[in-house]
Amino acid sequence: MACPFFMPEAVIAQDDWLHAPRLPLGGLYGGVCCAGGEPFDPPESSRNEICNCGYARGRCDRFPAEAADAVRFSAVSDAPGLLKLVYILEKDYAPAEFGMLEYSLAEARFLSEPASLLAAQAKAFAQSYLRESAAKKFVG
């Protein structure tokens, strides 16, 4: 579950962890914090442990008091040409909002574009999911 205010920009190496946690976007991402107005480049430790992993309330000074704590993604259908995702915004460890997103593989975009932060995170998740699926098909 990534922080809902994190704008992922690029996958980065996971060399810092002996045993990397399960990363909600499918990989460790560099990016910026969009909480509190202007984009902010968080320190590496915050980016890795809070922005990428969510539940920033009480751990991040920029986190808005009443916001959702995290966003979770899951692939629910991997049909030829179309990846369907479900997203869940969580607050206090419970679902606060959810929805479905459809990602066109041919166009590399969502068929109905969600809000920009959610779109960026969902696209990062979709791309990570597709990379992992391709790797499994190649190996298996």
C-alpha atoms as a PDB file:
ATOM      1  CA  MET A   1       0.000   0.000   0.000  1.00  0.00           C
ATOM      2  CA  ALA A   2       1.740   3.123  -1.208  1.00  0.00           C
ATOM      3  CA  CYS A   3       1.149   6.559   0.282  1.00  0.00           C
ATOM      4  CA  PRO A   4      -1.721   8.156  -1.694  1.00  0.00           C
ATOM      5  CA  PHE A   5       0.364  11.350  -2.041  1.00  0.00           C
ATOM      6  CA  PHE A   6       3.386   9.665  -3.627  1.00  0.00           C
ATOM      7  CA  MET A   7       4.023  10.340  -7.329  1.00  0.00           C
ATOM      8  CA  PRO A   8       6.195   7.449  -8.575  1.00  0.00           C
ATOM      9  CA  GLU A   9       8.569   8.459 -11.352  1.00  0.00           C
ATOM     10  CA  ALA A  10      10.989   5.578 -12.001  1.00  0.00           C
ATOM     11  CA  VAL A  11      11.895   2.141 -10.684  1.00  0.00           C
ATOM     12  CA  ILE A  12      15.085   2.212  -8.625  1.00  0.00           C
ATOM     13  CA  ALA A  13      17.427  -0.516  -7.402  1.00  0.00           C
ATOM     14  CA  GLN A  14      16.519  -2.364  -4.203  1.00  0.00           C
ATOM     15  CA  ASP A  15      20.090  -2.821  -2.998  1.00  0.00           C
ATOM     16  CA  ASP A  16      19.532  -1.324   0.475  1.00  0.00           C
ATOM     17  CA  TRP A  17      17.457  -4.191   1.874  1.00  0.00           C
ATOM     18  CA  LEU A  18      18.738  -7.593   2.829  1.00  0.00           C
ATOM     19  CA  HIS A  19      15.147  -8.837   2.528  1.00  0.00           C
ATOM     20  CA  ALA A  20      13.015  -6.324   0.618  1.00  0.00           C
ATOM     21  CA  PRO A  21       9.425  -5.938   1.820  1.00  0.00           C
ATOM     22  CA  ARG A  22       6.571  -6.735  -0.546  1.00  0.00           C
ATOM     23  CA  LEU A  23       6.381  -3.473  -2.409  1.00  0.00           C
ATOM     24  CA  PRO A  24       2.833  -2.337  -3.202  1.00  0.00           C
ATOM     25  CA  LEU A  25       3.683  -0.885  -6.608  1.00  0.00           C
ATOM     26  CA  GLY A  26       5.584  -4.018  -7.598  1.00  0.00           C
ATOM     27  CA  GLY A  27       8.986  -2.410  -7.229  1.00  0.00           C
ATOM     28  CA  LEU A  28      10.813   0.341  -5.370  1.00  0.00           C
ATOM     29  CA  TYR A  29      10.093   3.698  -6.988  1.00  0.00           C
ATOM     30  CA  GLY A  30      11.789   7.049  -6.875  1.00  0.00           C
ATOM     31  CA  GLY A  31       9.420   9.973  -6.939  1.00  0.00           C
ATOM     32  CA  VAL A  32       8.059  12.985  -5.144  1.00  0.00           C
ATOM     33  CA  CYS A  33       5.649  13.683  -2.310  1.00  0.00           C
ATOM     34  CA  CYS A  34       2.626  15.720  -3.386  1.00  0.00           C
ATOM     35  CA  ALA A  35       1.123  16.240   0.089  1.00  0.00           C
ATOM     36  CA  GLY A  36       0.954  19.832   1.205  1.00  0.00           C
ATOM     37  CA  GLY A  37       1.023  21.565  -2.168  1.00  0.00           C
ATOM     38  CA  GLU A  38       4.376  21.794  -3.930  1.00  0.00           C
ATOM     39  CA  PRO A  39       6.088  18.527  -4.900  1.00  0.00           C
ATOM     40  CA  PHE A  40       8.784  17.587  -2.403  1.00  0.00           C
ATOM     41  CA  ASP A  41      11.746  15.251  -2.887  1.00  0.00           C
ATOM     42  CA  PRO A  42      11.673  13.125   0.285  1.00  0.00           C
ATOM     43  CA  PRO A  43      14.853  11.743   1.851  1.00  0.00           C
ATOM     44  CA  GLU A  44      15.747   8.260   0.586  1.00  0.00           C
ATOM     45  CA  SER A  45      14.820   6.496   3.837  1.00  0.00           C
ATOM     46  CA  SER A  46      11.375   8.162   3.916  1.00  0.00           C
ATOM     47  CA  ARG A  47      10.796   7.481   0.232  1.00  0.00           C
ATOM     48  CA  ASN A  48      11.701   3.799   0.631  1.00  0.00           C
ATOM     49  CA  GLU A  49       9.931   3.084   3.925  1.00  0.00           C
ATOM     50  CA  ILE A  50       6.985   5.495   3.925  1.00  0.00           C
ATOM     51  CA  CYS A  51       6.189   6.781   0.423  1.00  0.00           C
ATOM     52  CA  ASN A  52       6.527   3.370  -1.224  1.00  0.00           C
ATOM     53  CA  CYS A  53       4.942   1.441   1.652  1.00  0.00           C
ATOM     54  CA  GLY A  54       2.182   3.768   2.901  1.00  0.00           C
ATOM     55  CA  TYR A  55       0.666   4.328   6.332  1.00  0.00           C
ATOM     56  CA  ALA A  56       2.468   7.644   6.725  1.00  0.00           C
ATOM     57  CA  ARG A  57       0.097   9.056   9.384  1.00  0.00           C
ATOM     58  CA  GLY A  58       2.224   9.930  12.416  1.00  0.00           C
ATOM     59  CA  ARG A  59       5.425   9.087  10.520  1.00  0.00           C
ATOM     60  CA  CYS A  60       5.491  11.943   7.979  1.00  0.00           C
ATOM     61  CA  ASP A  61       5.178  15.637   8.866  1.00  0.00           C
ATOM     62  CA  ARG A  62       3.652  16.448   5.456  1.00  0.00           C
ATOM     63  CA  PHE A  63       0.815  13.903   5.706  1.00  0.00           C
ATOM     64  CA  PRO A  64      -2.693  15.482   5.884  1.00  0.00           C
ATOM     65  CA  ALA A  65      -4.615  14.548   9.031  1.00  0.00           C
ATOM     66  CA  GLU A  66      -7.880  13.429   7.416  1.00  0.00           C
ATOM     67  CA  ALA A  67      -6.555  11.733   4.271  1.00  0.00           C
ATOM     68  CA  ALA A  68      -6.610   8.061   3.318  1.00  0.00           C
ATOM     69  CA  ASP A  69      -3.533   6.283   4.702  1.00  0.00           C
ATOM     70  CA  ALA A  70      -2.645   4.052   1.763  1.00  0.00           C
ATOM     71  CA  VAL A  71      -3.670   2.808  -1.654  1.00  0.00           C
ATOM     72  CA  ARG A  72      -3.612  -0.869  -2.616  1.00  0.00           C
ATOM     73  CA  PHE A  73      -3.776  -2.356  -6.128  1.00  0.00           C
ATOM     74  CA  SER A  74      -4.553  -5.859  -7.356  1.00  0.00           C
ATOM     75  CA  ALA A  75      -4.840  -7.300 -10.840  1.00  0.00           C
ATOM     76  CA  VAL A  76      -8.240  -8.932 -11.223  1.00  0.00           C
ATOM     77  CA  SER A  77      -8.100  -9.857 -14.925  1.00  0.00           C
ATOM     78  CA  ASP A  78      -5.243 -10.218 -17.367  1.00  0.00           C
ATOM     79  CA  ALA A  79      -7.113 -10.703 -20.650  1.00  0.00           C
ATOM     80  CA  PRO A  80      -5.299 -10.304 -23.974  1.00  0.00           C
ATOM     81  CA  GLY A  81      -4.776  -6.586 -24.520  1.00  0.00           C
ATOM     82  CA  LEU A  82      -6.494  -5.453 -21.323  1.00  0.00           C
ATOM     83  CA  LEU A  83      -5.398  -5.486 -17.698  1.00  0.00           C
ATOM     84  CA  LYS A  84      -8.133  -4.857 -15.125  1.00  0.00           C
ATOM     85  CA  LEU A  85      -7.091  -3.528 -11.736  1.00  0.00           C
ATOM     86  CA  VAL A  86      -8.944  -2.855  -8.538  1.00  0.00           C
ATOM     87  CA  TYR A  87      -7.735  -0.056  -6.267  1.00  0.00           C
ATOM     88  CA  ILE A  88      -8.619   0.424  -2.623  1.00  0.00           C
ATOM     89  CA  LEU A  89      -7.906   3.568  -0.633  1.00  0.00           C
ATOM     90  CA  GLU A  90      -7.559   2.655   3.032  1.00  0.00           C
ATOM     91  CA  LYS A  91      -8.029   4.761   6.127  1.00  0.00           C
ATOM     92  CA  ASP A  92      -7.298   3.377   9.584  1.00  0.00           C
ATOM     93  CA  TYR A  93      -6.644  -0.030   7.952  1.00  0.00           C
ATOM     94  CA  ALA A  94     -10.160  -0.212   6.467  1.00  0.00           C
ATOM     95  CA  PRO A  95     -11.432   0.427   2.938  1.00  0.00           C
ATOM     96  CA  ALA A  96     -12.512   4.037   2.432  1.00  0.00           C
ATOM     97  CA  GLU A  97     -12.927   4.072  -1.361  1.00  0.00           C
ATOM     98  CA  PHE A  98     -12.465   1.575  -4.172  1.00  0.00           C
ATOM     99  CA  GLY A  99     -12.850   1.247  -7.893  1.00  0.00           C
ATOM    100  CA  MET A 100     -11.885  -0.590 -11.059  1.00  0.00           C
ATOM    101  CA  LEU A 101      -9.403   0.562 -13.690  1.00  0.00           C
ATOM    102  CA  GLU A 102      -8.876  -0.859 -17.168  1.00  0.00           C
ATOM    103  CA  TYR A 103      -5.398  -0.535 -18.698  1.00  0.00           C
ATOM    104  CA  SER A 104      -5.035  -0.924 -22.466  1.00  0.00           C
ATOM    105  CA  LEU A 105      -1.796  -2.738 -23.253  1.00  0.00           C
ATOM    106  CA  ALA A 106      -1.767  -1.571 -26.885  1.00  0.00           C
ATOM    107  CA  GLU A 107      -2.202   2.095 -25.924  1.00  0.00           C
ATOM    108  CA  ALA A 108      -0.270   1.907 -22.593  1.00  0.00           C
ATOM    109  CA  ARG A 109      -2.967   3.965 -20.885  1.00  0.00           C
ATOM    110  CA  PHE A 110      -6.118   3.690 -18.802  1.00  0.00           C
ATOM    111  CA  LEU A 111      -9.364   3.656 -20.757  1.00  0.00           C
ATOM    112  CA  SER A 112     -10.866   6.199 -18.350  1.00  0.00           C
ATOM    113  CA  GLU A 113      -8.106   8.200 -16.713  1.00  0.00           C
ATOM    114  CA  PRO A 114      -8.241   8.368 -12.892  1.00  0.00           C
ATOM    115  CA  ALA A 115      -6.934  11.336 -10.871  1.00  0.00           C
ATOM    116  CA  SER A 116      -3.252  12.039 -11.574  1.00  0.00           C
ATOM    117  CA  LEU A 117      -1.675  10.563  -8.413  1.00  0.00           C
ATOM    118  CA  LEU A 118      -3.847   7.456  -8.560  1.00  0.00           C
ATOM    119  CA  ALA A 119      -3.135   7.170 -12.300  1.00  0.00           C
ATOM    120  CA  ALA A 120       0.638   7.384 -11.767  1.00  0.00           C
ATOM    121  CA  GLN A 121       0.576   4.746  -9.032  1.00  0.00           C
ATOM    122  CA  ALA A 122      -1.780   2.469 -10.961  1.00  0.00           C
ATOM    123  CA  LYS A 123       0.402   2.752 -14.078  1.00  0.00           C
ATOM    124  CA  ALA A 124       3.516   1.919 -12.022  1.00  0.00           C
ATOM    125  CA  PHE A 125       1.700  -1.108 -10.574  1.00  0.00           C
ATOM    126  CA  ALA A 126       0.440  -2.198 -14.017  1.00  0.00           C
ATOM    127  CA  GLN A 127       3.896  -1.930 -15.562  1.00  0.00           C
ATOM    128  CA  SER A 128       5.480  -3.862 -12.682  1.00  0.00           C
ATOM    129  CA  TYR A 129       2.756  -6.510 -12.931  1.00  0.00           C
ATOM    130  CA  LEU A 130       3.292  -6.858 -16.675  1.00  0.00           C
ATOM    131  CA  ARG A 131       7.101  -7.091 -16.267  1.00  0.00           C
ATOM    132  CA  GLU A 132       6.695  -9.821 -13.662  1.00  0.00           C
ATOM    133  CA  SER A 133       4.124 -11.690 -15.761  1.00  0.00           C
ATOM    134  CA  ALA A 134       6.441 -11.586 -18.781  1.00  0.00           C
ATOM    135  CA  ALA A 135       9.351 -12.840 -16.666  1.00  0.00           C
ATOM    136  CA  LYS A 136       7.251 -15.746 -15.317  1.00  0.00           C
ATOM    137  CA  LYS A 137       6.133 -16.705 -18.843  1.00  0.00           C
ATOM    138  CA  PHE A 138       9.743 -16.561 -20.034  1.00  0.00           C
ATOM    139  CA  VAL A 139      11.026 -18.723 -17.168  1.00  0.00           C
ATOM    140  CA  GLY A 140       8.053 -21.091 -17.012  1.00  0.00           C
END
